[in-house]
Structures are given as C-alpha cells and as structure tokens.
Amino acid sequence: MNEIQMTKHDHLLMGLFSSLQAAAMQQLGRIQNPATGEMKADLAGAASTIDILEMLKVKCRQDTPESLLRFMDGAVLELQLSFVDEEKKQAAQSDDNSQESSGESSDETTDNNSGAEA
C-alpha cells in the first residue's frame, strides 16, 4: 500500500490531535496540569475529549496518510483504556468511602443502643 505524503493540513491535524490527547491525559489525572500543578481526574471532561478525538478519527479516514491514521487509532485506544482504568479506580475509592461511612454508622448505632440499655 502506498503511503500518502503528509501535507501541511495533515501535520496540523496531528498537532490538534496531540493537543487534545494531552488534554485528555490531564483530565484523566495521568499527567500534571501545567496551570495548577495538580494531577486531578475529571472523567466527564475526559469522556468529552475522547469522544471528540474518536469523531475526528472517524471523519478523517478518507485521504489521510496511513501513519496518521495509526497515530490517531493508537492515541484514542490508549485514552479509552486509561479512562476505563481511572473509572475503576474512582469506583473502588467510592466503595471504600462507602464502607468506611457505613462502618462508622454501625459503631454509632451500637454505642447508642448500649447507652439506652444501661
């Protein structure tokens, strides 16, 4: 298969894609936000950015060099896997917090019942 030569627009598309990929990695809490210095996850923002990248990937299939298509496919796949990983982490943290809260409530209930009986 002949490789299509990358044009100025292809390079610009790759730059846009790379910028959005970096933004999604920040939103996933995988890399530091240069403005705040924090690594904080924003899954809703990450999901939107990944959706935009997926749309760009789909819309750019025609007349796009194979190397750029492979780059876009790899970038979206990496972000989607990172998103699922971060979602699982947050769910586990949420479960841990719920269990801690319910453990405290049980202790308080036990203490209150003990006090009422005495």
Protein backbone atom coordinates (compact mmCIF):
# COMPACT_ATOMS: atom_id res chain seq x y z
CA MET A 1 0.00 0.00 0.00
CA ASN A 2 1.43 3.37 -0.99
CA GLU A 3 1.91 5.88 1.80
CA ILE A 4 0.24 9.22 1.10
CA GLN A 5 2.62 12.13 1.67
CA MET A 6 1.71 14.19 4.74
CA THR A 7 0.52 17.66 3.82
CA LYS A 8 0.51 20.84 5.88
CA HIS A 9 -3.08 20.06 6.90
CA ASP A 10 -2.09 16.54 7.97
CA HIS A 11 0.60 17.99 10.23
CA LEU A 12 -1.89 20.48 11.67
CA LEU A 13 -4.37 17.67 12.28
CA MET A 14 -1.67 15.67 14.05
CA GLY A 15 -0.86 18.70 16.21
CA LEU A 16 -4.53 19.21 17.09
CA PHE A 17 -4.91 15.54 17.87
CA SER A 18 -1.79 15.60 20.08
CA SER A 19 -3.07 18.66 21.96
CA LEU A 20 -6.43 17.06 22.61
CA GLN A 21 -4.71 13.82 23.64
CA ALA A 22 -2.60 15.72 26.20
CA ALA A 23 -5.73 17.49 27.48
CA ALA A 24 -7.48 14.13 27.92
CA MET A 25 -4.48 12.72 29.78
CA GLN A 26 -4.67 15.71 32.15
CA GLN A 27 -8.41 15.18 32.56
CA LEU A 28 -7.74 11.54 33.40
CA GLY A 29 -5.29 12.62 36.09
CA ARG A 30 -2.43 10.86 34.29
CA ILE A 31 -0.27 13.93 33.77
CA GLN A 32 0.13 17.15 35.69
CA ASN A 33 -1.95 20.18 34.76
CA PRO A 34 0.69 22.82 33.96
CA ALA A 35 -1.60 25.66 35.05
CA THR A 36 -2.35 24.29 38.51
CA GLY A 37 0.42 21.77 39.08
CA GLU A 38 -2.22 19.22 40.14
CA MET A 39 -2.98 15.74 38.88
CA LYS A 40 -6.76 15.55 39.25
CA ALA A 41 -9.23 13.42 37.31
CA ASP A 42 -12.25 14.92 35.56
CA LEU A 43 -13.90 11.91 33.94
CA ALA A 44 -16.75 13.90 32.37
CA GLY A 45 -14.28 16.23 30.68
CA ALA A 46 -12.08 13.30 29.64
CA ALA A 47 -15.06 11.47 28.14
CA SER A 48 -15.98 14.52 26.06
CA THR A 49 -12.42 14.99 24.81
CA ILE A 50 -12.09 11.29 23.94
CA ASP A 51 -15.41 11.49 22.06
CA ILE A 52 -14.09 14.45 20.05
CA LEU A 53 -10.92 12.53 19.20
CA GLU A 54 -12.97 9.48 18.19
CA MET A 55 -15.14 11.68 15.93
CA LEU A 56 -12.06 13.25 14.32
CA LYS A 57 -10.60 9.80 13.76
CA VAL A 58 -13.76 8.58 12.05
CA LYS A 59 -14.26 11.72 9.94
CA CYS A 60 -10.63 11.76 8.74
CA ARG A 61 -10.49 8.23 7.29
CA GLN A 62 -10.52 9.31 3.65
CA ASP A 63 -7.33 10.66 2.03
CA THR A 64 -5.39 10.55 5.30
CA PRO A 65 -1.90 9.03 5.40
CA GLU A 66 -1.75 5.57 6.99
CA SER A 67 0.83 6.71 9.55
CA LEU A 68 -1.51 9.48 10.77
CA LEU A 69 -4.42 7.04 10.97
CA ARG A 70 -2.29 4.63 13.05
CA PHE A 71 -1.28 7.51 15.32
CA MET A 72 -4.91 8.55 15.81
CA ASP A 73 -6.06 4.96 16.40
CA GLY A 74 -3.32 4.40 18.99
CA ALA A 75 -3.98 7.69 20.77
CA VAL A 76 -7.72 7.04 21.10
CA LEU A 77 -7.19 3.44 22.21
CA GLU A 78 -4.67 4.49 24.88
CA LEU A 79 -7.05 7.15 26.19
CA GLN A 80 -10.02 4.78 26.24
CA LEU A 81 -8.04 2.21 28.23
CA SER A 82 -6.83 4.92 30.63
CA PHE A 83 -10.41 6.15 31.04
CA VAL A 84 -11.65 2.67 31.99
CA ASP A 85 -8.75 2.29 34.43
CA GLU A 86 -9.47 5.67 36.07
CA GLU A 87 -13.19 4.91 36.23
CA LYS A 88 -12.41 1.64 38.06
CA LYS A 89 -10.09 3.48 40.49
CA GLN A 90 -12.74 6.05 41.32
CA ALA A 91 -15.38 3.34 41.77
CA ALA A 92 -13.07 1.46 44.15
CA GLN A 93 -12.39 4.66 46.11
CA SER A 94 -16.11 5.36 46.26
CA ASP A 95 -16.75 1.83 47.53
CA ASP A 96 -14.01 2.21 50.15
CA ASN A 97 -15.50 5.52 51.31
CA SER A 98 -18.99 3.98 51.47
CA GLN A 99 -17.74 1.06 53.55
CA GLU A 100 -15.91 3.40 55.93
CA SER A 101 -19.05 5.52 56.32
CA SER A 102 -21.29 2.52 56.94
CA GLY A 103 -18.75 1.14 59.44
CA GLU A 104 -18.87 4.39 61.41
CA SER A 105 -22.67 4.39 61.35
CA SER A 106 -22.77 0.83 62.69
CA ASP A 107 -20.42 1.73 65.52
CA GLU A 108 -22.52 4.77 66.43
CA THR A 109 -25.71 2.69 66.37
CA THR A 110 -24.11 0.08 68.61
CA ASP A 111 -22.90 2.78 71.00
CA ASN A 112 -26.33 4.41 71.08
CA ASN A 113 -28.07 1.09 71.73
CA SER A 114 -25.64 0.24 74.52
CA GLY A 115 -26.28 3.58 76.20
CA ALA A 116 -30.05 3.19 76.01
CA GLU A 117 -29.99 -0.25 77.64
CA ALA A 118 -27.89 0.83 80.63
